[in-house]
Amino acid sequence: MGPVLVAGWLSLLAVLARIVQSRWPDQPEWSRKLVHIGSGPVVLIAWWCGIDRLVALPVSALVTLVAALNHRLRLLPGIEDINRHSYGTIAYGASITLLFALLWPGRAQAMAAAVLVMAIGDGLAGLVGPVVSSPRWRVFGQTRSLAGTATMGLSTAAVLLAVAALEPATAPPVLALLAIAAVATTLEQWANAGVDNLTVPLAVAGLWLWLAPATAT
């Protein structure tokens, strides 16, 4: 049942991305961010359904391979049709695959936190930052904004607190979660070629494991 739900969810995202791209062709980032944000809950579905590692790992690797092919061939332009050179979608898939290999299923909560921070935090920041007028600056050639950075910080903190509430006994304390949110927000500033899609989730997962109660490790 779990793999069917995941496949159905991803298929729905692909269809919606295509619709958004067709409806708003002058906003290519919207369809990409829809997929970016919508992919995060896949981990929750896998966790809820108890999908086996022997299924989750090869499937995530296959999705990453498809993302790499799409980056080159533009088979699904709604996912990659942006006006900048970025490997973000590939890095996103690679980080999820690596986290499945390292943490699944024993530390599913840490993985869920890491993936959802990247999906929701970075995704919302990418939508809010460009459209809300606020102070802006450049980091290694990438434009960042106060609105986008604040969105990343607040949504990351909210995600971490929500995931922690699912299994409080195995989660880091609140102050530690806020510290993780601060680190993730800082790392998101460096987004050249989409590298933040790799650095942010891996850092969040690592810090979650490090700061979790000793009985949970």
N, C-alpha and C. Protein backbone atom coordinates (compact mmCIF):
# COMPACT_ATOMS: atom_id res chain seq x y z
N MET A 1 0.82 -1.21 0.00
CA MET A 1 0.00 0.00 0.00
C MET A 1 0.86 1.26 0.00
N GLY A 2 1.95 1.23 0.80
CA GLY A 2 2.83 2.40 0.90
C GLY A 2 3.40 2.84 -0.43
N PRO A 3 4.03 1.92 -1.20
CA PRO A 3 4.58 2.32 -2.50
C PRO A 3 3.53 2.88 -3.45
N VAL A 4 2.31 2.35 -3.37
CA VAL A 4 1.23 2.86 -4.23
C VAL A 4 0.88 4.30 -3.86
N LEU A 5 0.82 4.58 -2.56
CA LEU A 5 0.52 5.94 -2.11
C LEU A 5 1.62 6.90 -2.54
N VAL A 6 2.88 6.48 -2.40
CA VAL A 6 4.00 7.33 -2.80
C VAL A 6 3.95 7.60 -4.30
N ALA A 7 3.75 6.55 -5.09
CA ALA A 7 3.69 6.71 -6.55
C ALA A 7 2.54 7.62 -6.95
N GLY A 8 1.40 7.44 -6.30
CA GLY A 8 0.25 8.29 -6.60
C GLY A 8 0.50 9.74 -6.26
N TRP A 9 1.14 9.97 -5.11
CA TRP A 9 1.45 11.34 -4.68
C TRP A 9 2.42 12.02 -5.65
N LEU A 10 3.47 11.30 -6.04
CA LEU A 10 4.46 11.88 -6.96
C LEU A 10 3.85 12.12 -8.33
N SER A 11 2.98 11.24 -8.78
CA SER A 11 2.31 11.43 -10.07
C SER A 11 1.41 12.67 -10.02
N LEU A 12 0.72 12.84 -8.91
CA LEU A 12 -0.13 14.03 -8.75
C LEU A 12 0.71 15.30 -8.79
N LEU A 13 1.87 15.28 -8.14
CA LEU A 13 2.75 16.45 -8.15
C LEU A 13 3.20 16.78 -9.57
N ALA A 14 3.56 15.74 -10.34
CA ALA A 14 4.01 15.97 -11.71
C ALA A 14 2.90 16.60 -12.55
N VAL A 15 1.68 16.12 -12.38
CA VAL A 15 0.54 16.67 -13.12
C VAL A 15 0.28 18.12 -12.71
N LEU A 16 0.29 18.37 -11.41
CA LEU A 16 0.05 19.73 -10.93
C LEU A 16 1.14 20.69 -11.40
N ALA A 17 2.39 20.21 -11.41
CA ALA A 17 3.50 21.05 -11.88
C ALA A 17 3.30 21.44 -13.34
N ARG A 18 2.83 20.48 -14.12
CA ARG A 18 2.58 20.75 -15.54
C ARG A 18 1.44 21.77 -15.71
N ILE A 19 0.41 21.64 -14.88
CA ILE A 19 -0.71 22.57 -14.94
C ILE A 19 -0.26 23.98 -14.57
N VAL A 20 0.52 24.08 -13.50
CA VAL A 20 1.02 25.39 -13.05
C VAL A 20 1.90 26.02 -14.13
N GLN A 21 2.75 25.20 -14.74
CA GLN A 21 3.62 25.73 -15.79
C GLN A 21 2.81 26.24 -16.97
N SER A 22 1.76 25.52 -17.34
CA SER A 22 0.92 25.93 -18.47
C SER A 22 0.11 27.18 -18.14
N ARG A 23 -0.34 27.25 -16.90
CA ARG A 23 -1.19 28.38 -16.49
C ARG A 23 -0.38 29.65 -16.29
N TRP A 24 0.83 29.52 -15.77
CA TRP A 24 1.68 30.69 -15.50
C TRP A 24 3.06 30.46 -16.13
N PRO A 25 3.15 30.50 -17.46
CA PRO A 25 4.42 30.22 -18.14
C PRO A 25 5.52 31.22 -17.82
N ASP A 26 5.15 32.42 -17.35
CA ASP A 26 6.15 33.42 -17.02
C ASP A 26 6.69 33.26 -15.60
N GLN A 27 6.24 32.22 -14.89
CA GLN A 27 6.70 31.96 -13.52
C GLN A 27 7.21 30.52 -13.42
N PRO A 28 8.31 30.19 -14.09
CA PRO A 28 8.79 28.80 -14.10
C PRO A 28 9.19 28.29 -12.73
N GLU A 29 9.56 29.20 -11.83
CA GLU A 29 9.97 28.76 -10.49
C GLU A 29 8.80 28.20 -9.68
N TRP A 30 7.59 28.61 -10.00
CA TRP A 30 6.43 28.16 -9.22
C TRP A 30 6.23 26.65 -9.33
N SER A 31 6.29 26.12 -10.55
CA SER A 31 6.08 24.68 -10.72
C SER A 31 7.20 23.89 -10.06
N ARG A 32 8.40 24.42 -10.14
CA ARG A 32 9.54 23.73 -9.52
C ARG A 32 9.39 23.70 -8.01
N LYS A 33 8.99 24.81 -7.43
CA LYS A 33 8.83 24.86 -5.98
C LYS A 33 7.64 24.01 -5.51
N LEU A 34 6.63 23.88 -6.35
CA LEU A 34 5.52 23.00 -6.02
C LEU A 34 6.02 21.57 -5.84
N VAL A 35 6.84 21.12 -6.76
CA VAL A 35 7.42 19.77 -6.65
C VAL A 35 8.36 19.69 -5.46
N HIS A 36 9.15 20.75 -5.27
CA HIS A 36 10.12 20.79 -4.17
C HIS A 36 9.41 20.64 -2.82
N ILE A 37 8.37 21.43 -2.60
CA ILE A 37 7.64 21.37 -1.33
C ILE A 37 6.83 20.08 -1.23
N GLY A 38 6.18 19.71 -2.31
CA GLY A 38 5.32 18.54 -2.27
C GLY A 38 6.04 17.22 -2.13
N SER A 39 7.33 17.18 -2.47
CA SER A 39 8.09 15.93 -2.35
C SER A 39 8.40 15.58 -0.89
N GLY A 40 8.43 16.57 -0.03
CA GLY A 40 8.78 16.33 1.36
C GLY A 40 7.88 15.34 2.08
N PRO A 41 6.55 15.47 1.96
CA PRO A 41 5.66 14.55 2.65
C PRO A 41 5.80 13.09 2.25
N VAL A 42 6.53 12.80 1.17
CA VAL A 42 6.77 11.41 0.79
C VAL A 42 7.42 10.64 1.94
N VAL A 43 8.32 11.30 2.66
CA VAL A 43 8.98 10.64 3.78
C VAL A 43 7.98 10.32 4.89
N LEU A 44 7.04 11.22 5.12
CA LEU A 44 6.01 10.95 6.12
C LEU A 44 5.13 9.77 5.70
N ILE A 45 4.81 9.69 4.41
CA ILE A 45 4.02 8.56 3.91
C ILE A 45 4.79 7.26 4.12
N ALA A 46 6.09 7.29 3.78
CA ALA A 46 6.92 6.09 3.94
C ALA A 46 7.01 5.69 5.41
N TRP A 47 7.15 6.67 6.29
CA TRP A 47 7.24 6.41 7.73
C TRP A 47 5.92 5.84 8.24
N TRP A 48 4.83 6.48 7.87
CA TRP A 48 3.50 6.07 8.32
C TRP A 48 3.17 4.65 7.84
N CYS A 49 3.54 4.34 6.60
CA CYS A 49 3.22 3.04 6.02
C CYS A 49 4.25 1.97 6.36
N GLY A 50 5.36 2.37 6.98
CA GLY A 50 6.39 1.40 7.32
C GLY A 50 7.06 0.79 6.11
N ILE A 51 7.31 1.60 5.10
CA ILE A 51 7.94 1.08 3.88
C ILE A 51 9.34 0.58 4.19
N ASP A 52 9.65 -0.60 3.73
CA ASP A 52 10.93 -1.24 4.01
C ASP A 52 12.08 -0.51 3.33
N ARG A 53 13.24 -0.55 3.98
CA ARG A 53 14.44 0.09 3.43
C ARG A 53 14.80 -0.49 2.06
N LEU A 54 14.57 -1.78 1.88
CA LEU A 54 14.90 -2.43 0.61
C LEU A 54 14.02 -1.93 -0.53
N VAL A 55 12.91 -1.30 -0.19
CA VAL A 55 12.05 -0.67 -1.19
C VAL A 55 12.37 0.81 -1.31
N ALA A 56 12.47 1.49 -0.17
CA ALA A 56 12.66 2.94 -0.17
C ALA A 56 13.97 3.36 -0.82
N LEU A 57 15.04 2.65 -0.53
CA LEU A 57 16.36 3.06 -1.03
C LEU A 57 16.47 2.97 -2.55
N PRO A 58 16.15 1.83 -3.17
CA PRO A 58 16.25 1.80 -4.64
C PRO A 58 15.27 2.73 -5.34
N VAL A 59 14.09 2.91 -4.76
CA VAL A 59 13.12 3.82 -5.38
C VAL A 59 13.64 5.26 -5.35
N SER A 60 14.18 5.69 -4.21
CA SER A 60 14.72 7.05 -4.12
C SER A 60 15.91 7.22 -5.05
N ALA A 61 16.73 6.18 -5.19
CA ALA A 61 17.86 6.25 -6.12
C ALA A 61 17.36 6.36 -7.56
N LEU A 62 16.29 5.63 -7.89
CA LEU A 62 15.73 5.70 -9.23
C LEU A 62 15.15 7.08 -9.52
N VAL A 63 14.46 7.65 -8.54
CA VAL A 63 13.90 9.00 -8.71
C VAL A 63 15.02 10.02 -8.93
N THR A 64 16.13 9.85 -8.21
CA THR A 64 17.28 10.74 -8.38
C THR A 64 17.86 10.61 -9.78
N LEU A 65 17.94 9.38 -10.28
CA LEU A 65 18.43 9.15 -11.64
C LEU A 65 17.51 9.80 -12.67
N VAL A 66 16.21 9.67 -12.47
CA VAL A 66 15.25 10.32 -13.37
C VAL A 66 15.42 11.83 -13.33
N ALA A 67 15.65 12.37 -12.12
CA ALA A 67 15.87 13.82 -11.99
C ALA A 67 17.11 14.25 -12.75
N ALA A 68 18.16 13.42 -12.70
CA ALA A 68 19.39 13.75 -13.43
C ALA A 68 19.16 13.73 -14.94
N LEU A 69 18.41 12.74 -15.40
CA LEU A 69 18.09 12.67 -16.83
C LEU A 69 17.21 13.85 -17.25
N ASN A 70 16.27 14.18 -16.40
CA ASN A 70 15.38 15.30 -16.70
C ASN A 70 16.14 16.62 -16.74
N HIS A 71 17.14 16.75 -15.89
CA HIS A 71 17.96 17.96 -15.88
C HIS A 71 18.65 18.16 -17.22
N ARG A 72 19.04 17.04 -17.84
CA ARG A 72 19.75 17.12 -19.11
C ARG A 72 18.81 17.17 -20.31
N LEU A 73 17.72 16.40 -20.25
CA LEU A 73 16.86 16.24 -21.41
C LEU A 73 15.58 17.07 -21.36
N ARG A 74 15.25 17.61 -20.17
CA ARG A 74 14.03 18.41 -19.98
C ARG A 74 12.78 17.62 -20.38
N LEU A 75 12.70 16.39 -19.91
CA LEU A 75 11.52 15.57 -20.18
C LEU A 75 10.30 16.10 -19.45
N LEU A 76 10.53 16.64 -18.25
CA LEU A 76 9.47 17.27 -17.45
C LEU A 76 9.88 18.71 -17.19
N PRO A 77 9.65 19.61 -18.14
CA PRO A 77 10.14 20.98 -18.00
C PRO A 77 9.56 21.72 -16.81
N GLY A 78 8.41 21.29 -16.32
CA GLY A 78 7.82 21.96 -15.16
C GLY A 78 8.67 21.84 -13.91
N ILE A 79 9.58 20.86 -13.90
CA ILE A 79 10.43 20.66 -12.73
C ILE A 79 11.75 21.39 -12.87
N GLU A 80 12.25 21.53 -14.09
CA GLU A 80 13.59 22.08 -14.28
C GLU A 80 13.65 23.36 -15.10
N ASP A 81 12.54 23.86 -15.56
CA ASP A 81 12.53 25.00 -16.47
C ASP A 81 12.73 26.31 -15.72
N ILE A 82 13.97 26.59 -15.33
CA ILE A 82 14.29 27.81 -14.63
C ILE A 82 15.44 28.50 -15.34
N ASN A 83 15.56 29.80 -15.13
CA ASN A 83 16.55 30.59 -15.85
C ASN A 83 17.86 30.73 -15.09
N ARG A 84 18.32 29.64 -14.50
CA ARG A 84 19.62 29.65 -13.85
C ARG A 84 20.15 28.23 -13.82
N HIS A 85 21.48 28.14 -13.72
CA HIS A 85 22.13 26.84 -13.73
C HIS A 85 22.07 26.25 -12.33
N SER A 86 21.32 25.17 -12.17
CA SER A 86 21.15 24.59 -10.84
C SER A 86 21.03 23.08 -10.93
N TYR A 87 21.70 22.42 -9.99
CA TYR A 87 21.57 20.97 -9.84
C TYR A 87 20.74 20.65 -8.60
N GLY A 88 19.91 21.61 -8.19
CA GLY A 88 19.18 21.47 -6.95
C GLY A 88 18.29 20.24 -6.88
N THR A 89 17.58 19.93 -7.97
CA THR A 89 16.69 18.78 -7.96
C THR A 89 17.47 17.49 -7.80
N ILE A 90 18.63 17.41 -8.46
CA ILE A 90 19.48 16.22 -8.33
C ILE A 90 20.03 16.12 -6.92
N ALA A 91 20.50 17.24 -6.38
CA ALA A 91 21.04 17.24 -5.02
C ALA A 91 19.96 16.87 -4.00
N TYR A 92 18.76 17.32 -4.25
CA TYR A 92 17.62 17.00 -3.38
C TYR A 92 17.41 15.49 -3.33
N GLY A 93 17.34 14.88 -4.51
CA GLY A 93 17.16 13.43 -4.58
C GLY A 93 18.33 12.67 -3.99
N ALA A 94 19.54 13.17 -4.24
CA ALA A 94 20.73 12.50 -3.70
C ALA A 94 20.75 12.53 -2.18
N SER A 95 20.35 13.66 -1.60
CA SER A 95 20.34 13.76 -0.14
C SER A 95 19.31 12.82 0.47
N ILE A 96 18.13 12.71 -0.16
CA ILE A 96 17.11 11.79 0.33
C ILE A 96 17.59 10.34 0.23
N THR A 97 18.22 10.01 -0.89
CA THR A 97 18.75 8.65 -1.07
C THR A 97 19.80 8.34 -0.02
N LEU A 98 20.70 9.28 0.23
CA LEU A 98 21.74 9.06 1.23
C LEU A 98 21.15 8.91 2.62
N LEU A 99 20.14 9.71 2.93
CA LEU A 99 19.50 9.62 4.25
C LEU A 99 18.75 8.30 4.41
N PHE A 100 18.13 7.83 3.34
CA PHE A 100 17.50 6.51 3.41
C PHE A 100 18.56 5.44 3.70
N ALA A 101 19.71 5.56 3.06
CA ALA A 101 20.77 4.57 3.26
C ALA A 101 21.33 4.59 4.68
N LEU A 102 21.41 5.78 5.27
CA LEU A 102 22.05 5.91 6.58
C LEU A 102 21.08 5.79 7.76
N LEU A 103 19.85 6.23 7.59
CA LEU A 103 18.96 6.39 8.74
C LEU A 103 17.70 5.53 8.73
N TRP A 104 17.35 4.99 7.59
CA TRP A 104 16.05 4.33 7.51
C TRP A 104 16.14 2.85 7.87
N PRO A 105 15.20 2.33 8.64
CA PRO A 105 14.06 2.99 9.27
C PRO A 105 14.30 3.36 10.73
N GLY A 106 15.49 3.01 11.25
CA GLY A 106 15.74 3.19 12.67
C GLY A 106 15.65 4.62 13.17
N ARG A 107 16.06 5.57 12.34
CA ARG A 107 16.01 6.98 12.73
C ARG A 107 15.15 7.76 11.75
N ALA A 108 13.96 7.24 11.51
CA ALA A 108 13.04 7.86 10.55
C ALA A 108 12.66 9.28 10.95
N GLN A 109 12.58 9.55 12.25
CA GLN A 109 12.21 10.89 12.70
C GLN A 109 13.26 11.91 12.28
N ALA A 110 14.52 11.57 12.45
CA ALA A 110 15.60 12.48 12.05
C ALA A 110 15.57 12.73 10.55
N MET A 111 15.30 11.67 9.79
CA MET A 111 15.23 11.84 8.34
C MET A 111 14.05 12.69 7.94
N ALA A 112 12.90 12.47 8.58
CA ALA A 112 11.72 13.27 8.27
C ALA A 112 11.98 14.74 8.55
N ALA A 113 12.63 15.03 9.67
CA ALA A 113 12.95 16.41 10.00
C ALA A 113 13.85 17.03 8.94
N ALA A 114 14.87 16.30 8.52
CA ALA A 114 15.83 16.82 7.55
C ALA A 114 15.18 17.11 6.20
N VAL A 115 14.39 16.16 5.72
CA VAL A 115 13.77 16.32 4.40
C VAL A 115 12.70 17.40 4.41
N LEU A 116 11.89 17.44 5.46
CA LEU A 116 10.82 18.44 5.52
C LEU A 116 11.36 19.85 5.69
N VAL A 117 12.47 20.01 6.39
CA VAL A 117 13.10 21.33 6.49
C VAL A 117 13.50 21.81 5.10
N MET A 118 14.11 20.92 4.32
CA MET A 118 14.53 21.31 2.99
C MET A 118 13.32 21.56 2.09
N ALA A 119 12.33 20.70 2.19
CA ALA A 119 11.16 20.83 1.32
C ALA A 119 10.36 22.08 1.64
N ILE A 120 9.98 22.23 2.89
CA ILE A 120 9.07 23.32 3.27
C ILE A 120 9.82 24.62 3.51
N GLY A 121 10.89 24.56 4.30
CA GLY A 121 11.63 25.78 4.63
C GLY A 121 12.22 26.44 3.41
N ASP A 122 13.04 25.69 2.67
CA ASP A 122 13.68 26.26 1.49
C ASP A 122 12.65 26.56 0.40
N GLY A 123 11.65 25.69 0.28
CA GLY A 123 10.63 25.91 -0.75
C GLY A 123 9.85 27.19 -0.54
N LEU A 124 9.39 27.41 0.68
CA LEU A 124 8.64 28.64 0.97
C LEU A 124 9.53 29.87 0.86
N ALA A 125 10.78 29.75 1.30
CA ALA A 125 11.70 30.88 1.18
C ALA A 125 11.89 31.28 -0.28
N GLY A 126 11.97 30.27 -1.15
CA GLY A 126 12.14 30.54 -2.58
C GLY A 126 10.93 31.18 -3.22
N LEU A 127 9.76 30.97 -2.64
CA LEU A 127 8.55 31.60 -3.16
C LEU A 127 8.35 33.00 -2.60
N VAL A 128 8.61 33.17 -1.30
CA VAL A 128 8.37 34.45 -0.64
C VAL A 128 9.44 35.48 -0.97
N GLY A 129 10.69 35.06 -0.94
CA GLY A 129 11.80 35.99 -1.13
C GLY A 129 11.71 36.86 -2.36
N PRO A 130 11.43 36.29 -3.54
CA PRO A 130 11.41 37.10 -4.76
C PRO A 130 10.24 38.07 -4.87
N VAL A 131 9.13 37.80 -4.16
CA VAL A 131 7.93 38.62 -4.37
C VAL A 131 7.67 39.63 -3.25
N VAL A 132 8.33 39.47 -2.12
CA VAL A 132 8.14 40.40 -1.00
C VAL A 132 9.30 41.39 -0.97
N SER A 133 8.98 42.66 -0.96
CA SER A 133 10.01 43.69 -0.93
C SER A 133 10.68 43.73 0.43
N SER A 134 12.00 43.55 0.44
CA SER A 134 12.76 43.57 1.68
C SER A 134 14.24 43.76 1.34
N PRO A 135 15.07 44.09 2.32
CA PRO A 135 16.51 44.24 2.06
C PRO A 135 17.10 42.98 1.42
N ARG A 136 18.01 43.19 0.49
CA ARG A 136 18.62 42.08 -0.24
C ARG A 136 20.13 42.18 -0.20
N TRP A 137 20.78 41.05 -0.35
CA TRP A 137 22.24 40.98 -0.39
C TRP A 137 22.63 39.79 -1.26
N ARG A 138 23.91 39.68 -1.56
CA ARG A 138 24.38 38.59 -2.41
C ARG A 138 25.40 37.75 -1.64
N VAL A 139 25.27 36.44 -1.79
CA VAL A 139 26.20 35.49 -1.18
C VAL A 139 26.73 34.59 -2.28
N PHE A 140 28.01 34.73 -2.60
CA PHE A 140 28.63 33.96 -3.67
C PHE A 140 27.83 34.05 -4.97
N GLY A 141 27.37 35.27 -5.28
CA GLY A 141 26.67 35.51 -6.52
C GLY A 141 25.18 35.25 -6.49
N GLN A 142 24.66 34.70 -5.38
CA GLN A 142 23.23 34.41 -5.26
C GLN A 142 22.55 35.50 -4.44
N THR A 143 21.41 35.99 -4.94
CA THR A 143 20.67 37.02 -4.22
C THR A 143 19.85 36.40 -3.10
N ARG A 144 20.01 36.93 -1.90
CA ARG A 144 19.22 36.50 -0.75
C ARG A 144 18.45 37.72 -0.24
N SER A 145 17.39 37.48 0.51
CA SER A 145 16.58 38.59 1.01
C SER A 145 16.18 38.35 2.46
N LEU A 146 15.85 39.45 3.13
CA LEU A 146 15.42 39.34 4.52
C LEU A 146 14.11 38.56 4.61
N ALA A 147 13.19 38.81 3.68
CA ALA A 147 11.90 38.11 3.70
C ALA A 147 12.09 36.61 3.50
N GLY A 148 12.91 36.25 2.52
CA GLY A 148 13.15 34.83 2.26
C GLY A 148 13.88 34.15 3.40
N THR A 149 14.88 34.83 3.95
CA THR A 149 15.64 34.26 5.06
C THR A 149 14.77 34.09 6.30
N ALA A 150 13.94 35.10 6.59
CA ALA A 150 13.03 35.00 7.73
C ALA A 150 12.03 33.86 7.54
N THR A 151 11.55 33.71 6.31
CA THR A 151 10.62 32.61 6.01
C THR A 151 11.30 31.27 6.23
N MET A 152 12.54 31.15 5.78
CA MET A 152 13.29 29.92 5.99
C MET A 152 13.45 29.63 7.47
N GLY A 153 13.84 30.62 8.24
CA GLY A 153 14.06 30.42 9.67
C GLY A 153 12.80 30.03 10.42
N LEU A 154 11.72 30.76 10.18
CA LEU A 154 10.47 30.51 10.90
C LEU A 154 9.84 29.18 10.50
N SER A 155 9.82 28.90 9.20
CA SER A 155 9.21 27.65 8.76
C SER A 155 10.04 26.44 9.17
N THR A 156 11.37 26.60 9.18
CA THR A 156 12.24 25.51 9.64
C THR A 156 11.99 25.21 11.11
N ALA A 157 11.92 26.24 11.92
CA ALA A 157 11.64 26.04 13.35
C ALA A 157 10.29 25.35 13.54
N ALA A 158 9.29 25.78 12.78
CA ALA A 158 7.95 25.18 12.90
C ALA A 158 7.97 23.71 12.49
N VAL A 159 8.68 23.40 11.41
CA VAL A 159 8.78 22.01 10.96
C VAL A 159 9.46 21.14 12.01
N LEU A 160 10.57 21.62 12.54
CA LEU A 160 11.31 20.84 13.54
C LEU A 160 10.47 20.59 14.78
N LEU A 161 9.76 21.60 15.24
CA LEU A 161 8.91 21.44 16.42
C LEU A 161 7.78 20.46 16.14
N ALA A 162 7.22 20.51 14.93
CA ALA A 162 6.13 19.60 14.58
C ALA A 162 6.61 18.15 14.51
N VAL A 163 7.76 17.94 13.88
CA VAL A 163 8.29 16.58 13.79
C VAL A 163 8.68 16.05 15.17
N ALA A 164 9.24 16.93 16.00
CA ALA A 164 9.60 16.53 17.36
C ALA A 164 8.37 16.11 18.15
N ALA A 165 7.24 16.76 17.91
CA ALA A 165 6.01 16.45 18.63
C ALA A 165 5.47 15.07 18.29
N LEU A 166 5.88 14.51 17.15
CA LEU A 166 5.41 13.18 16.77
C LEU A 166 5.97 12.10 17.69
N GLU A 167 7.23 12.28 18.12
CA GLU A 167 7.86 11.34 19.05
C GLU A 167 8.77 12.15 19.98
N PRO A 168 8.20 12.82 20.95
CA PRO A 168 8.97 13.74 21.81
C PRO A 168 10.13 13.07 22.54
N ALA A 169 9.99 11.81 22.90
CA ALA A 169 11.02 11.15 23.70
C ALA A 169 12.32 10.96 22.94
N THR A 170 12.27 10.93 21.62
CA THR A 170 13.47 10.70 20.83
C THR A 170 13.97 11.95 20.12
N ALA A 171 13.34 13.09 20.40
CA ALA A 171 13.68 14.34 19.71
C ALA A 171 14.57 15.22 20.58
N PRO A 172 15.38 16.08 19.98
CA PRO A 172 16.16 17.05 20.74
C PRO A 172 15.25 18.01 21.49
N PRO A 173 15.74 18.65 22.55
CA PRO A 173 14.94 19.64 23.27
C PRO A 173 14.67 20.88 22.41
N VAL A 174 13.75 21.70 22.86
CA VAL A 174 13.30 22.84 22.06
C VAL A 174 14.44 23.78 21.71
N LEU A 175 15.28 24.12 22.67
CA LEU A 175 16.39 25.04 22.39
C LEU A 175 17.34 24.46 21.35
N ALA A 176 17.55 23.16 21.40
CA ALA A 176 18.40 22.51 20.40
C ALA A 176 17.75 22.57 19.03
N LEU A 177 16.44 22.41 18.98
CA LEU A 177 15.73 22.50 17.70
C LEU A 177 15.86 23.89 17.11
N LEU A 178 15.78 24.91 17.95
CA LEU A 178 15.94 26.29 17.46
C LEU A 178 17.36 26.52 16.96
N ALA A 179 18.33 25.91 17.62
CA ALA A 179 19.72 26.02 17.15
C ALA A 179 19.89 25.34 15.80
N ILE A 180 19.26 24.18 15.63
CA ILE A 180 19.31 23.50 14.34
C ILE A 180 18.68 24.37 13.25
N ALA A 181 17.57 25.01 13.58
CA ALA A 181 16.91 25.90 12.62
C ALA A 181 17.83 27.04 12.21
N ALA A 182 18.58 27.58 13.17
CA ALA A 182 19.51 28.68 12.87
C ALA A 182 20.63 28.21 11.95
N VAL A 183 21.15 27.01 12.20
CA VAL A 183 22.21 26.47 11.34
C VAL A 183 21.68 26.22 9.93
N ALA A 184 20.49 25.63 9.83
CA ALA A 184 19.91 25.36 8.52
C ALA A 184 19.68 26.65 7.74
N THR A 185 19.20 27.68 8.42
CA THR A 185 18.96 28.97 7.77
C THR A 185 20.26 29.59 7.28
N THR A 186 21.31 29.43 8.06
CA THR A 186 22.62 29.94 7.66
C THR A 186 23.15 29.19 6.45
N LEU A 187 23.05 27.87 6.46
CA LEU A 187 23.54 27.08 5.33
C LEU A 187 22.76 27.37 4.05
N GLU A 188 21.49 27.69 4.19
CA GLU A 188 20.66 27.97 3.02
C GLU A 188 21.11 29.23 2.29
N GLN A 189 21.88 30.06 2.96
CA GLN A 189 22.40 31.27 2.29
C GLN A 189 23.32 30.91 1.13
N TRP A 190 24.05 29.80 1.27
CA TRP A 190 24.96 29.36 0.21
C TRP A 190 24.23 28.34 -0.65
N ALA A 191 23.70 28.81 -1.76
CA ALA A 191 22.84 27.95 -2.59
C ALA A 191 23.35 27.81 -4.01
N ASN A 192 24.62 28.08 -4.25
CA ASN A 192 25.15 28.00 -5.60
C ASN A 192 24.91 26.62 -6.20
N ALA A 193 24.35 26.59 -7.40
CA ALA A 193 24.08 25.36 -8.14
C ALA A 193 23.17 24.40 -7.39
N GLY A 194 22.46 24.90 -6.38
CA GLY A 194 21.54 24.06 -5.63
C GLY A 194 22.18 23.21 -4.56
N VAL A 195 23.41 23.57 -4.15
CA VAL A 195 24.13 22.76 -3.16
C VAL A 195 23.42 22.74 -1.81
N ASP A 196 22.59 23.75 -1.53
CA ASP A 196 21.87 23.77 -0.24
C ASP A 196 20.90 22.60 -0.12
N ASN A 197 20.47 22.05 -1.25
CA ASN A 197 19.58 20.89 -1.19
C ASN A 197 20.29 19.65 -0.67
N LEU A 198 21.60 19.72 -0.61
CA LEU A 198 22.40 18.63 -0.04
C LEU A 198 22.88 18.99 1.36
N THR A 199 23.42 20.20 1.51
CA THR A 199 24.02 20.56 2.79
C THR A 199 22.99 20.73 3.90
N VAL A 200 21.85 21.34 3.59
CA VAL A 200 20.85 21.60 4.64
C VAL A 200 20.28 20.32 5.24
N PRO A 201 19.74 19.39 4.43
CA PRO A 201 19.18 18.18 5.05
C PRO A 201 20.21 17.33 5.76
N LEU A 202 21.42 17.23 5.21
CA LEU A 202 22.44 16.43 5.88
C LEU A 202 22.85 17.05 7.21
N ALA A 203 22.95 18.38 7.25
CA ALA A 203 23.29 19.06 8.50
C ALA A 203 22.18 18.90 9.52
N VAL A 204 20.94 19.06 9.09
CA VAL A 204 19.81 18.92 10.01
C VAL A 204 19.77 17.51 10.60
N ALA A 205 19.93 16.51 9.76
CA ALA A 205 19.91 15.12 10.24
C ALA A 205 21.05 14.86 11.22
N GLY A 206 22.25 15.33 10.86
CA GLY A 206 23.39 15.12 11.74
C GLY A 206 23.23 15.80 13.09
N LEU A 207 22.77 17.04 13.08
CA LEU A 207 22.57 17.77 14.33
C LEU A 207 21.44 17.16 15.15
N TRP A 208 20.40 16.71 14.49
CA TRP A 208 19.29 16.06 15.20
C TRP A 208 19.81 14.84 15.97
N LEU A 209 20.59 14.01 15.29
CA LEU A 209 21.12 12.81 15.94
C LEU A 209 22.07 13.17 17.08
N TRP A 210 22.87 14.18 16.88
CA TRP A 210 23.85 14.59 17.88
C TRP A 210 23.18 15.16 19.13
N LEU A 211 22.12 15.94 18.92
CA LEU A 211 21.48 16.65 20.03
C LEU A 211 20.29 15.90 20.63
N ALA A 212 19.93 14.77 20.04
CA ALA A 212 18.82 13.98 20.59
C ALA A 212 19.23 13.36 21.93
N PRO A 213 18.27 13.01 22.76
CA PRO A 213 18.58 12.36 24.04
C PRO A 213 19.44 11.11 23.84
N ALA A 214 20.31 10.85 24.77
CA ALA A 214 21.23 9.72 24.65
C ALA A 214 20.49 8.40 24.48
N THR A 215 19.34 8.27 25.08
CA THR A 215 18.57 7.03 24.98
C THR A 215 18.02 6.79 23.59
N ALA A 216 18.02 7.86 22.75
CA ALA A 216 17.44 7.73 21.41
C ALA A 216 18.49 7.36 20.38
N THR A 217 19.76 7.42 20.73
CA THR A 217 20.82 7.16 19.76
C THR A 217 21.31 5.74 19.83
